[in-house]
């Protein structure tokens, strides 16, 4: 039994490292702590490797964009802390909300078509999840509470995709991320309410 566990850990250490850094990074994000960003950056790199190896091409490319958004989010949150003393939650206008959802739909179709012709395992599902993850990441970097609603939906669908691709540890992670997103939503809504009251 111990040999089997040791063999699994050796074979899947990158996925395990991605699992741990993602969990810690998202938990820190729910707490609105700037230290979340370097942890999330490590997770982005680990999962770039995992998804590339699993032939989930949209998810692999997604990690490249996540790295860029992570660097932007780190800068934007740190700038906010310098100016205001804390990471403040910003409201999301209806126009930006609708624009993000529309851009996600168009991007899903375009990326899905591209991935269909380039051998991706689940081209349209993978593309839609990747594009809407970008929208959620952008909203998160911009400190909009709505990011958590989108993460709840995206991570719930990711569970099924990862089970299908036999990425069980990542499927468990996605289930945990749904729970963290619910906590993040609750905490950020409380922060927004206290900001409004102040």
N, C-alpha and C. Protein backbone atom coordinates (compact mmCIF):
# COMPACT_ATOMS: atom_id res chain seq x y z
N UNK A 1 0.82 -1.20 0.00
CA UNK A 1 0.00 0.00 0.00
C UNK A 1 0.87 1.27 0.00
N UNK A 2 1.88 1.29 0.87
CA UNK A 2 2.76 2.45 0.95
C UNK A 2 3.52 2.64 -0.36
N UNK A 3 3.91 1.53 -1.00
CA UNK A 3 4.61 1.61 -2.27
C UNK A 3 3.70 2.19 -3.35
N UNK A 4 2.43 1.79 -3.33
CA UNK A 4 1.48 2.31 -4.30
C UNK A 4 1.28 3.82 -4.13
N UNK A 5 1.18 4.26 -2.89
CA UNK A 5 1.03 5.70 -2.62
C UNK A 5 2.29 6.45 -3.05
N UNK A 6 3.45 5.90 -2.71
CA UNK A 6 4.72 6.53 -3.10
C UNK A 6 4.85 6.63 -4.61
N UNK A 7 4.47 5.56 -5.31
CA UNK A 7 4.52 5.58 -6.78
C UNK A 7 3.57 6.63 -7.36
N UNK A 8 2.38 6.74 -6.77
CA UNK A 8 1.42 7.74 -7.24
C UNK A 8 1.99 9.15 -7.04
N UNK A 9 2.55 9.40 -5.87
CA UNK A 9 3.10 10.72 -5.57
C UNK A 9 4.24 11.07 -6.51
N UNK A 10 5.08 10.10 -6.82
CA UNK A 10 6.20 10.34 -7.74
C UNK A 10 5.66 10.64 -9.14
N UNK A 11 4.68 9.87 -9.58
CA UNK A 11 4.14 10.03 -10.93
C UNK A 11 3.30 11.30 -11.08
N UNK A 12 2.69 11.75 -9.99
CA UNK A 12 1.75 12.88 -10.06
C UNK A 12 2.17 14.06 -9.19
N UNK A 13 3.45 14.21 -8.94
CA UNK A 13 3.88 15.26 -8.02
C UNK A 13 3.55 16.65 -8.54
N UNK A 14 3.57 16.85 -9.88
CA UNK A 14 3.27 18.18 -10.42
C UNK A 14 1.79 18.50 -10.19
N UNK A 15 0.92 17.51 -10.41
CA UNK A 15 -0.50 17.73 -10.16
C UNK A 15 -0.76 17.98 -8.68
N UNK A 16 -0.07 17.25 -7.82
CA UNK A 16 -0.21 17.45 -6.38
C UNK A 16 0.26 18.84 -5.97
N UNK A 17 1.39 19.28 -6.52
CA UNK A 17 1.88 20.64 -6.23
C UNK A 17 0.90 21.69 -6.72
N UNK A 18 0.33 21.46 -7.92
CA UNK A 18 -0.69 22.38 -8.43
C UNK A 18 -1.92 22.41 -7.55
N UNK A 19 -2.33 21.23 -7.08
CA UNK A 19 -3.48 21.10 -6.19
C UNK A 19 -3.26 21.94 -4.93
N UNK A 20 -2.11 21.74 -4.28
CA UNK A 20 -1.84 22.43 -3.01
C UNK A 20 -1.71 23.94 -3.18
N UNK A 21 -0.97 24.36 -4.20
CA UNK A 21 -0.79 25.80 -4.37
C UNK A 21 -2.08 26.48 -4.82
N UNK A 22 -2.89 25.78 -5.61
CA UNK A 22 -4.18 26.36 -6.00
C UNK A 22 -5.07 26.53 -4.79
N UNK A 23 -5.17 25.48 -3.99
CA UNK A 23 -6.04 25.53 -2.81
C UNK A 23 -5.62 26.68 -1.88
N UNK A 24 -4.34 26.74 -1.58
CA UNK A 24 -3.84 27.78 -0.67
C UNK A 24 -4.04 29.16 -1.29
N UNK A 25 -3.71 29.29 -2.58
CA UNK A 25 -3.84 30.59 -3.25
C UNK A 25 -5.26 31.10 -3.30
N UNK A 26 -6.22 30.21 -3.59
CA UNK A 26 -7.61 30.64 -3.66
C UNK A 26 -8.14 30.95 -2.27
N UNK A 27 -7.74 30.17 -1.27
CA UNK A 27 -8.15 30.48 0.09
C UNK A 27 -7.64 31.86 0.50
N UNK A 28 -6.39 32.16 0.18
CA UNK A 28 -5.85 33.49 0.48
C UNK A 28 -6.60 34.58 -0.29
N UNK A 29 -7.04 34.26 -1.50
CA UNK A 29 -7.81 35.22 -2.30
C UNK A 29 -9.15 35.51 -1.63
N UNK A 30 -9.80 34.47 -1.09
CA UNK A 30 -11.09 34.71 -0.41
C UNK A 30 -10.91 35.65 0.77
N UNK A 31 -9.72 35.64 1.35
CA UNK A 31 -9.42 36.51 2.51
C UNK A 31 -8.95 37.90 2.06
N UNK A 32 -8.83 38.10 0.75
CA UNK A 32 -8.38 39.37 0.16
C UNK A 32 -6.97 39.74 0.65
N UNK A 33 -6.06 38.75 0.64
CA UNK A 33 -4.67 38.97 1.04
C UNK A 33 -3.79 38.98 -0.21
N UNK A 34 -2.99 40.00 -0.37
CA UNK A 34 -2.16 40.17 -1.56
C UNK A 34 -1.18 39.01 -1.75
N UNK A 35 -0.82 38.34 -0.68
CA UNK A 35 0.11 37.21 -0.77
C UNK A 35 -0.47 36.08 -1.61
N UNK A 36 -1.78 36.14 -1.90
CA UNK A 36 -2.39 35.09 -2.72
C UNK A 36 -1.75 35.02 -4.11
N UNK A 37 -1.31 36.15 -4.64
CA UNK A 37 -0.88 36.20 -6.04
C UNK A 37 0.39 35.40 -6.33
N UNK A 38 1.47 35.47 -5.52
CA UNK A 38 2.62 34.62 -5.85
C UNK A 38 2.31 33.13 -5.69
N UNK A 39 1.41 32.78 -4.77
CA UNK A 39 1.02 31.38 -4.61
C UNK A 39 0.23 30.93 -5.83
N UNK A 40 -0.69 31.77 -6.29
CA UNK A 40 -1.48 31.45 -7.49
C UNK A 40 -0.57 31.37 -8.72
N UNK A 41 0.45 32.20 -8.78
CA UNK A 41 1.40 32.15 -9.90
C UNK A 41 2.08 30.77 -9.96
N UNK A 42 2.49 30.24 -8.82
CA UNK A 42 3.09 28.90 -8.79
C UNK A 42 2.07 27.86 -9.27
N UNK A 43 0.83 27.99 -8.83
CA UNK A 43 -0.23 27.06 -9.26
C UNK A 43 -0.43 27.12 -10.77
N UNK A 44 -0.42 28.33 -11.33
CA UNK A 44 -0.58 28.49 -12.78
C UNK A 44 0.50 27.71 -13.54
N UNK A 45 1.71 27.79 -13.07
CA UNK A 45 2.83 27.11 -13.74
C UNK A 45 2.71 25.59 -13.60
N UNK A 46 2.37 25.11 -12.41
CA UNK A 46 2.20 23.67 -12.23
C UNK A 46 1.10 23.13 -13.14
N UNK A 47 -0.02 23.84 -13.19
CA UNK A 47 -1.13 23.33 -14.01
C UNK A 47 -0.90 23.52 -15.51
N UNK A 48 -0.07 24.44 -15.91
CA UNK A 48 0.33 24.52 -17.31
C UNK A 48 0.96 23.18 -17.72
N UNK A 49 1.81 22.65 -16.87
CA UNK A 49 2.47 21.37 -17.15
C UNK A 49 1.46 20.22 -17.13
N UNK A 50 0.59 20.19 -16.13
CA UNK A 50 -0.40 19.11 -16.00
C UNK A 50 -1.30 19.05 -17.23
N UNK A 51 -1.84 20.19 -17.63
CA UNK A 51 -2.80 20.21 -18.74
C UNK A 51 -2.12 19.94 -20.08
N UNK A 52 -0.90 20.39 -20.23
CA UNK A 52 -0.16 20.09 -21.46
C UNK A 52 0.03 18.58 -21.59
N UNK A 53 0.40 17.93 -20.50
CA UNK A 53 0.60 16.48 -20.51
C UNK A 53 -0.71 15.71 -20.77
N UNK A 54 -1.85 16.28 -20.31
CA UNK A 54 -3.15 15.61 -20.47
C UNK A 54 -3.82 15.93 -21.80
N UNK A 55 -3.16 16.71 -22.65
CA UNK A 55 -3.69 17.12 -23.95
C UNK A 55 -4.96 17.95 -23.83
N UNK A 56 -5.12 18.68 -22.73
CA UNK A 56 -6.20 19.65 -22.58
C UNK A 56 -5.62 21.00 -23.00
N UNK A 57 -5.61 21.19 -24.31
CA UNK A 57 -4.86 22.31 -24.88
C UNK A 57 -5.42 23.67 -24.49
N UNK A 58 -6.75 23.80 -24.48
CA UNK A 58 -7.32 25.09 -24.07
C UNK A 58 -6.95 25.40 -22.63
N UNK A 59 -7.00 24.39 -21.77
CA UNK A 59 -6.62 24.61 -20.38
C UNK A 59 -5.14 24.93 -20.24
N UNK A 60 -4.31 24.31 -21.08
CA UNK A 60 -2.88 24.63 -21.04
C UNK A 60 -2.65 26.08 -21.46
N UNK A 61 -3.28 26.50 -22.56
CA UNK A 61 -3.16 27.90 -22.99
C UNK A 61 -3.75 28.84 -21.94
N UNK A 62 -4.81 28.39 -21.30
CA UNK A 62 -5.44 29.20 -20.26
C UNK A 62 -4.43 29.56 -19.18
N UNK A 63 -3.57 28.62 -18.83
CA UNK A 63 -2.59 28.89 -17.79
C UNK A 63 -1.63 30.01 -18.19
N UNK A 64 -1.33 30.10 -19.48
CA UNK A 64 -0.47 31.20 -19.95
C UNK A 64 -1.16 32.54 -19.69
N UNK A 65 -2.45 32.60 -20.01
CA UNK A 65 -3.20 33.83 -19.74
C UNK A 65 -3.36 34.06 -18.25
N UNK A 66 -3.57 32.97 -17.49
CA UNK A 66 -3.65 33.11 -16.04
C UNK A 66 -2.38 33.73 -15.47
N UNK A 67 -1.24 33.34 -16.01
CA UNK A 67 0.02 33.92 -15.54
C UNK A 67 0.01 35.43 -15.75
N UNK A 68 -0.43 35.87 -16.93
CA UNK A 68 -0.51 37.32 -17.20
C UNK A 68 -1.51 37.99 -16.27
N UNK A 69 -2.70 37.39 -16.08
CA UNK A 69 -3.72 37.97 -15.21
C UNK A 69 -3.26 37.96 -13.76
N UNK A 70 -2.52 36.93 -13.37
CA UNK A 70 -2.01 36.84 -12.01
C UNK A 70 -1.03 37.98 -11.74
N UNK A 71 -0.14 38.23 -12.69
CA UNK A 71 0.80 39.34 -12.52
C UNK A 71 0.07 40.68 -12.46
N UNK A 72 -0.95 40.84 -13.32
CA UNK A 72 -1.75 42.07 -13.28
C UNK A 72 -2.50 42.19 -11.95
N UNK A 73 -3.14 41.10 -11.51
CA UNK A 73 -3.89 41.13 -10.26
C UNK A 73 -3.00 41.46 -9.08
N UNK A 74 -1.81 40.89 -9.07
CA UNK A 74 -0.84 41.16 -8.01
C UNK A 74 -0.51 42.64 -7.97
N UNK A 75 -0.22 43.21 -9.14
CA UNK A 75 0.09 44.64 -9.22
C UNK A 75 -1.12 45.49 -8.81
N UNK A 76 -2.31 45.15 -9.33
CA UNK A 76 -3.51 45.95 -9.06
C UNK A 76 -3.90 45.91 -7.58
N UNK A 77 -3.85 44.74 -6.98
CA UNK A 77 -4.20 44.64 -5.56
C UNK A 77 -3.16 45.35 -4.69
N UNK A 78 -1.88 45.18 -5.01
CA UNK A 78 -0.82 45.84 -4.22
C UNK A 78 -0.95 47.35 -4.31
N UNK A 79 -1.27 47.85 -5.50
CA UNK A 79 -1.48 49.29 -5.69
C UNK A 79 -2.66 49.76 -4.83
N UNK A 80 -3.74 48.98 -4.80
CA UNK A 80 -4.91 49.33 -3.99
C UNK A 80 -4.60 49.37 -2.51
N UNK A 81 -3.79 48.42 -2.05
CA UNK A 81 -3.41 48.40 -0.64
C UNK A 81 -2.58 49.62 -0.30
N UNK A 82 -1.66 50.01 -1.19
CA UNK A 82 -0.85 51.21 -0.95
C UNK A 82 -1.72 52.46 -0.87
N UNK A 83 -2.75 52.55 -1.72
CA UNK A 83 -3.59 53.73 -1.75
C UNK A 83 -4.65 53.75 -0.65
N UNK A 84 -5.24 52.58 -0.34
CA UNK A 84 -6.40 52.55 0.54
C UNK A 84 -6.17 51.78 1.84
N UNK A 85 -5.02 51.12 1.97
CA UNK A 85 -4.72 50.38 3.18
C UNK A 85 -5.27 48.97 3.22
N UNK A 86 -6.08 48.59 2.24
CA UNK A 86 -6.64 47.24 2.17
C UNK A 86 -7.09 46.95 0.74
N UNK A 87 -7.37 45.69 0.47
CA UNK A 87 -7.93 45.32 -0.82
C UNK A 87 -9.42 45.57 -0.74
N UNK A 88 -9.89 46.58 -1.46
CA UNK A 88 -11.31 46.93 -1.44
C UNK A 88 -12.02 46.27 -2.61
N UNK A 89 -13.24 45.85 -2.37
CA UNK A 89 -14.07 45.21 -3.40
C UNK A 89 -14.73 46.31 -4.23
N UNK A 90 -14.70 46.15 -5.55
CA UNK A 90 -15.29 47.14 -6.44
C UNK A 90 -16.57 46.58 -7.07
N UNK A 91 -17.61 47.41 -7.21
CA UNK A 91 -18.84 46.92 -7.85
C UNK A 91 -18.63 46.67 -9.34
N UNK A 92 -19.42 45.75 -9.89
CA UNK A 92 -19.37 45.40 -11.31
C UNK A 92 -20.63 45.97 -11.97
N UNK A 93 -20.43 46.82 -12.97
CA UNK A 93 -21.59 47.41 -13.65
C UNK A 93 -22.28 46.36 -14.52
N UNK A 94 -23.55 46.59 -14.80
CA UNK A 94 -24.32 45.68 -15.66
C UNK A 94 -23.68 45.59 -17.04
N UNK A 95 -23.20 46.72 -17.54
CA UNK A 95 -22.56 46.75 -18.86
C UNK A 95 -21.33 45.85 -18.91
N UNK A 96 -20.49 45.92 -17.90
CA UNK A 96 -19.29 45.09 -17.84
C UNK A 96 -19.66 43.62 -17.63
N UNK A 97 -20.68 43.37 -16.82
CA UNK A 97 -21.15 42.01 -16.58
C UNK A 97 -21.64 41.38 -17.88
N UNK A 98 -22.53 42.10 -18.61
CA UNK A 98 -23.04 41.57 -19.88
C UNK A 98 -21.93 41.44 -20.92
N UNK A 99 -21.04 42.42 -20.94
CA UNK A 99 -19.91 42.37 -21.88
C UNK A 99 -19.02 41.17 -21.62
N UNK A 100 -18.75 40.86 -20.36
CA UNK A 100 -17.93 39.71 -20.02
C UNK A 100 -18.58 38.40 -20.43
N UNK A 101 -19.87 38.28 -20.18
CA UNK A 101 -20.58 37.05 -20.56
C UNK A 101 -20.66 36.89 -22.08
N UNK A 102 -20.88 38.00 -22.79
CA UNK A 102 -20.94 37.95 -24.25
C UNK A 102 -19.56 37.61 -24.83
N UNK A 103 -18.52 38.25 -24.30
CA UNK A 103 -17.16 37.95 -24.78
C UNK A 103 -16.82 36.48 -24.51
N UNK A 104 -17.28 35.95 -23.37
CA UNK A 104 -17.06 34.55 -23.07
C UNK A 104 -17.73 33.63 -24.07
N UNK A 105 -18.96 33.97 -24.48
CA UNK A 105 -19.68 33.14 -25.45
C UNK A 105 -18.99 33.15 -26.81
N UNK A 106 -18.63 34.33 -27.28
CA UNK A 106 -17.96 34.44 -28.58
C UNK A 106 -16.60 33.75 -28.53
N UNK A 107 -15.84 34.00 -27.48
CA UNK A 107 -14.53 33.38 -27.34
C UNK A 107 -14.61 31.87 -27.25
N UNK A 108 -15.66 31.36 -26.61
CA UNK A 108 -15.84 29.90 -26.49
C UNK A 108 -16.01 29.26 -27.86
N UNK A 109 -16.83 29.87 -28.71
CA UNK A 109 -17.07 29.32 -30.05
C UNK A 109 -15.80 29.39 -30.88
N UNK A 110 -15.14 30.54 -30.87
CA UNK A 110 -13.94 30.71 -31.69
C UNK A 110 -12.82 29.76 -31.24
N UNK A 111 -12.58 29.71 -29.94
CA UNK A 111 -11.52 28.83 -29.44
C UNK A 111 -11.89 27.36 -29.64
N UNK A 112 -13.17 27.03 -29.47
CA UNK A 112 -13.62 25.67 -29.70
C UNK A 112 -13.39 25.22 -31.12
N UNK A 113 -13.69 26.10 -32.09
CA UNK A 113 -13.44 25.80 -33.50
C UNK A 113 -11.96 25.56 -33.76
N UNK A 114 -11.15 26.42 -33.20
CA UNK A 114 -9.71 26.29 -33.38
C UNK A 114 -9.22 24.96 -32.79
N UNK A 115 -9.64 24.68 -31.55
CA UNK A 115 -9.18 23.46 -30.87
C UNK A 115 -9.73 22.20 -31.54
N UNK A 116 -10.89 22.29 -32.16
CA UNK A 116 -11.47 21.15 -32.89
C UNK A 116 -10.51 20.69 -33.99
N UNK A 117 -9.83 21.64 -34.61
CA UNK A 117 -8.93 21.33 -35.73
C UNK A 117 -7.49 21.07 -35.28
N UNK A 118 -7.25 21.14 -33.98
CA UNK A 118 -5.89 20.95 -33.49
C UNK A 118 -5.78 19.84 -32.44
N UNK A 119 -6.70 18.90 -32.48
CA UNK A 119 -6.56 17.68 -31.69
C UNK A 119 -6.85 17.77 -30.21
N UNK A 120 -7.57 18.80 -29.77
CA UNK A 120 -7.89 18.88 -28.34
C UNK A 120 -8.86 17.76 -27.97
N UNK A 121 -8.76 17.29 -26.75
CA UNK A 121 -9.57 16.16 -26.30
C UNK A 121 -11.06 16.52 -26.23
N UNK A 122 -11.40 17.64 -25.66
CA UNK A 122 -12.79 18.10 -25.52
C UNK A 122 -12.85 19.55 -26.00
N UNK A 123 -12.78 19.77 -27.30
CA UNK A 123 -12.52 21.13 -27.80
C UNK A 123 -13.51 22.20 -27.36
N UNK A 124 -14.80 21.95 -27.45
CA UNK A 124 -15.76 23.01 -27.14
C UNK A 124 -15.97 23.19 -25.64
N UNK A 125 -16.07 22.10 -24.92
CA UNK A 125 -16.20 22.22 -23.47
C UNK A 125 -14.96 22.85 -22.87
N UNK A 126 -13.80 22.35 -23.27
CA UNK A 126 -12.54 22.87 -22.77
C UNK A 126 -12.40 24.35 -23.11
N UNK A 127 -12.80 24.72 -24.33
CA UNK A 127 -12.71 26.12 -24.75
C UNK A 127 -13.63 27.01 -23.92
N UNK A 128 -14.89 26.58 -23.73
CA UNK A 128 -15.84 27.39 -22.96
C UNK A 128 -15.35 27.57 -21.52
N UNK A 129 -14.88 26.50 -20.92
CA UNK A 129 -14.38 26.60 -19.55
C UNK A 129 -13.16 27.51 -19.48
N UNK A 130 -12.29 27.40 -20.47
CA UNK A 130 -11.09 28.24 -20.49
C UNK A 130 -11.45 29.71 -20.63
N UNK A 131 -12.33 30.02 -21.57
CA UNK A 131 -12.67 31.43 -21.83
C UNK A 131 -13.41 32.03 -20.63
N UNK A 132 -14.38 31.30 -20.08
CA UNK A 132 -15.10 31.86 -18.93
C UNK A 132 -14.21 31.93 -17.69
N UNK A 133 -13.19 31.07 -17.61
CA UNK A 133 -12.21 31.20 -16.53
C UNK A 133 -11.42 32.50 -16.68
N UNK A 134 -11.13 32.88 -17.92
CA UNK A 134 -10.45 34.16 -18.15
C UNK A 134 -11.32 35.33 -17.71
N UNK A 135 -12.60 35.25 -18.03
CA UNK A 135 -13.52 36.32 -17.61
C UNK A 135 -13.54 36.40 -16.08
N UNK A 136 -13.67 35.24 -15.41
CA UNK A 136 -13.69 35.23 -13.95
C UNK A 136 -12.37 35.75 -13.37
N UNK A 137 -11.26 35.38 -14.00
CA UNK A 137 -9.95 35.84 -13.52
C UNK A 137 -9.80 37.35 -13.66
N UNK A 138 -10.29 37.87 -14.78
CA UNK A 138 -10.22 39.32 -14.99
C UNK A 138 -11.05 40.04 -13.93
N UNK A 139 -12.25 39.54 -13.70
CA UNK A 139 -13.10 40.15 -12.68
C UNK A 139 -12.45 40.05 -11.30
N UNK A 140 -11.77 38.93 -11.03
CA UNK A 140 -11.09 38.76 -9.75
C UNK A 140 -9.94 39.76 -9.62
N UNK A 141 -9.15 39.89 -10.67
CA UNK A 141 -8.04 40.84 -10.64
C UNK A 141 -8.54 42.27 -10.47
N UNK A 142 -9.74 42.56 -11.00
CA UNK A 142 -10.35 43.89 -10.87
C UNK A 142 -11.13 44.05 -9.57
N UNK A 143 -11.15 42.99 -8.74
CA UNK A 143 -11.76 43.00 -7.40
C UNK A 143 -13.29 43.08 -7.43
N UNK A 144 -13.91 42.42 -8.41
CA UNK A 144 -15.37 42.38 -8.52
C UNK A 144 -15.90 41.11 -7.86
N UNK A 145 -16.86 41.25 -6.97
CA UNK A 145 -17.45 40.10 -6.28
C UNK A 145 -18.06 39.10 -7.25
N UNK A 146 -18.55 39.55 -8.38
CA UNK A 146 -19.19 38.65 -9.36
C UNK A 146 -18.25 37.55 -9.84
N UNK A 147 -16.95 37.72 -9.67
CA UNK A 147 -16.02 36.66 -10.08
C UNK A 147 -16.36 35.36 -9.39
N UNK A 148 -16.80 35.40 -8.15
CA UNK A 148 -17.08 34.17 -7.41
C UNK A 148 -18.28 33.43 -7.97
N UNK A 149 -19.31 34.15 -8.43
CA UNK A 149 -20.46 33.48 -9.05
C UNK A 149 -20.01 32.70 -10.28
N UNK A 150 -19.18 33.34 -11.09
CA UNK A 150 -18.72 32.68 -12.31
C UNK A 150 -17.81 31.50 -11.99
N UNK A 151 -16.95 31.65 -10.98
CA UNK A 151 -16.08 30.54 -10.58
C UNK A 151 -16.89 29.34 -10.08
N UNK A 152 -17.98 29.59 -9.36
CA UNK A 152 -18.82 28.49 -8.89
C UNK A 152 -19.32 27.68 -10.08
N UNK A 153 -19.82 28.37 -11.10
CA UNK A 153 -20.36 27.68 -12.28
C UNK A 153 -19.25 26.95 -13.05
N UNK A 154 -18.15 27.63 -13.30
CA UNK A 154 -17.07 27.04 -14.08
C UNK A 154 -16.46 25.84 -13.36
N UNK A 155 -16.16 25.98 -12.08
CA UNK A 155 -15.53 24.88 -11.35
C UNK A 155 -16.46 23.68 -11.23
N UNK A 156 -17.77 23.91 -11.13
CA UNK A 156 -18.71 22.79 -11.07
C UNK A 156 -18.64 21.96 -12.36
N UNK A 157 -18.54 22.62 -13.51
CA UNK A 157 -18.44 21.89 -14.78
C UNK A 157 -17.07 21.24 -14.93
N UNK A 158 -16.03 21.92 -14.44
CA UNK A 158 -14.69 21.34 -14.50
C UNK A 158 -14.61 19.99 -13.78
N UNK A 159 -15.38 19.81 -12.73
CA UNK A 159 -15.35 18.53 -12.01
C UNK A 159 -15.59 17.38 -12.99
N UNK A 160 -16.65 17.51 -13.78
CA UNK A 160 -16.99 16.45 -14.74
C UNK A 160 -15.92 16.26 -15.80
N UNK A 161 -15.35 17.37 -16.30
CA UNK A 161 -14.32 17.26 -17.32
C UNK A 161 -13.10 16.51 -16.79
N UNK A 162 -12.69 16.83 -15.58
CA UNK A 162 -11.49 16.20 -15.03
C UNK A 162 -11.73 14.74 -14.67
N UNK A 163 -12.94 14.40 -14.23
CA UNK A 163 -13.26 12.99 -14.00
C UNK A 163 -13.17 12.23 -15.32
N UNK A 164 -13.73 12.80 -16.37
CA UNK A 164 -13.69 12.18 -17.69
C UNK A 164 -12.26 11.94 -18.18
N UNK A 165 -11.36 12.88 -17.87
CA UNK A 165 -9.96 12.78 -18.30
C UNK A 165 -9.07 12.05 -17.28
N UNK A 166 -9.68 11.45 -16.26
CA UNK A 166 -8.96 10.71 -15.22
C UNK A 166 -7.97 11.58 -14.44
N UNK A 167 -8.28 12.84 -14.30
CA UNK A 167 -7.49 13.74 -13.45
C UNK A 167 -8.24 13.88 -12.13
N UNK A 168 -8.25 12.78 -11.37
CA UNK A 168 -9.08 12.69 -10.17
C UNK A 168 -8.69 13.71 -9.11
N UNK A 169 -7.42 13.90 -8.90
CA UNK A 169 -6.99 14.87 -7.90
C UNK A 169 -7.44 16.27 -8.28
N UNK A 170 -7.37 16.59 -9.56
CA UNK A 170 -7.80 17.91 -10.02
C UNK A 170 -9.33 18.02 -9.96
N UNK A 171 -10.04 16.91 -10.16
CA UNK A 171 -11.50 16.92 -10.01
C UNK A 171 -11.88 17.21 -8.55
N UNK A 172 -11.16 16.58 -7.63
CA UNK A 172 -11.40 16.85 -6.21
C UNK A 172 -11.09 18.32 -5.90
N UNK A 173 -10.00 18.80 -6.47
CA UNK A 173 -9.64 20.21 -6.29
C UNK A 173 -10.77 21.11 -6.78
N UNK A 174 -11.33 20.81 -7.96
CA UNK A 174 -12.41 21.64 -8.50
C UNK A 174 -13.62 21.64 -7.57
N UNK A 175 -13.92 20.50 -6.98
CA UNK A 175 -15.02 20.44 -6.01
C UNK A 175 -14.71 21.34 -4.81
N UNK A 176 -13.47 21.28 -4.35
CA UNK A 176 -13.06 22.15 -3.25
C UNK A 176 -13.09 23.61 -3.63
N UNK A 177 -12.75 23.90 -4.90
CA UNK A 177 -12.78 25.29 -5.36
C UNK A 177 -14.19 25.84 -5.42
N UNK A 178 -15.17 24.98 -5.69
CA UNK A 178 -16.57 25.43 -5.62
C UNK A 178 -16.87 25.90 -4.20
N UNK A 179 -16.45 25.10 -3.22
CA UNK A 179 -16.68 25.48 -1.82
C UNK A 179 -15.94 26.77 -1.46
N UNK A 180 -14.68 26.88 -1.90
CA UNK A 180 -13.93 28.11 -1.64
C UNK A 180 -14.57 29.31 -2.31
N UNK A 181 -15.12 29.12 -3.52
CA UNK A 181 -15.78 30.22 -4.21
C UNK A 181 -17.02 30.67 -3.45
N UNK A 182 -17.74 29.73 -2.85
CA UNK A 182 -18.90 30.09 -2.03
C UNK A 182 -18.44 30.92 -0.83
N UNK A 183 -17.34 30.48 -0.19
CA UNK A 183 -16.78 31.25 0.93
C UNK A 183 -16.29 32.62 0.47
N UNK A 184 -15.62 32.65 -0.69
CA UNK A 184 -15.15 33.93 -1.22
C UNK A 184 -16.30 34.87 -1.51
N UNK A 185 -17.36 34.35 -2.09
CA UNK A 185 -18.54 35.16 -2.38
C UNK A 185 -19.10 35.75 -1.09
N UNK A 186 -19.25 34.91 -0.08
CA UNK A 186 -19.79 35.39 1.20
C UNK A 186 -18.90 36.47 1.82
N UNK A 187 -17.59 36.20 1.85
CA UNK A 187 -16.67 37.15 2.48
C UNK A 187 -16.58 38.46 1.70
N UNK A 188 -16.55 38.38 0.37
CA UNK A 188 -16.46 39.59 -0.43
C UNK A 188 -17.77 40.38 -0.37
N UNK A 189 -18.91 39.70 -0.27
CA UNK A 189 -20.17 40.42 -0.12
C UNK A 189 -20.21 41.15 1.21
N UNK A 190 -19.70 40.50 2.25
CA UNK A 190 -19.62 41.18 3.56
C UNK A 190 -18.69 42.39 3.49
N UNK A 191 -17.55 42.23 2.80
CA UNK A 191 -16.61 43.35 2.68
C UNK A 191 -17.25 44.50 1.91
N UNK A 192 -17.98 44.18 0.84
CA UNK A 192 -18.65 45.23 0.05
C UNK A 192 -19.70 45.94 0.91
N UNK A 193 -20.44 45.17 1.72
CA UNK A 193 -21.47 45.78 2.57
C UNK A 193 -20.83 46.69 3.62
N UNK A 194 -19.70 46.27 4.19
CA UNK A 194 -19.06 47.11 5.20
C UNK A 194 -18.44 48.36 4.57
N UNK A 195 -17.95 48.23 3.33
CA UNK A 195 -17.43 49.41 2.61
C UNK A 195 -18.56 50.40 2.36
N UNK A 196 -19.73 49.89 1.95
CA UNK A 196 -20.86 50.76 1.67
C UNK A 196 -21.33 51.45 2.94
N UNK A 197 -21.36 50.70 4.05
CA UNK A 197 -21.78 51.27 5.32
C UNK A 197 -20.81 52.35 5.79
N UNK A 198 -19.51 52.14 5.51
CA UNK A 198 -18.50 53.12 5.93
C UNK A 198 -18.58 54.35 5.07
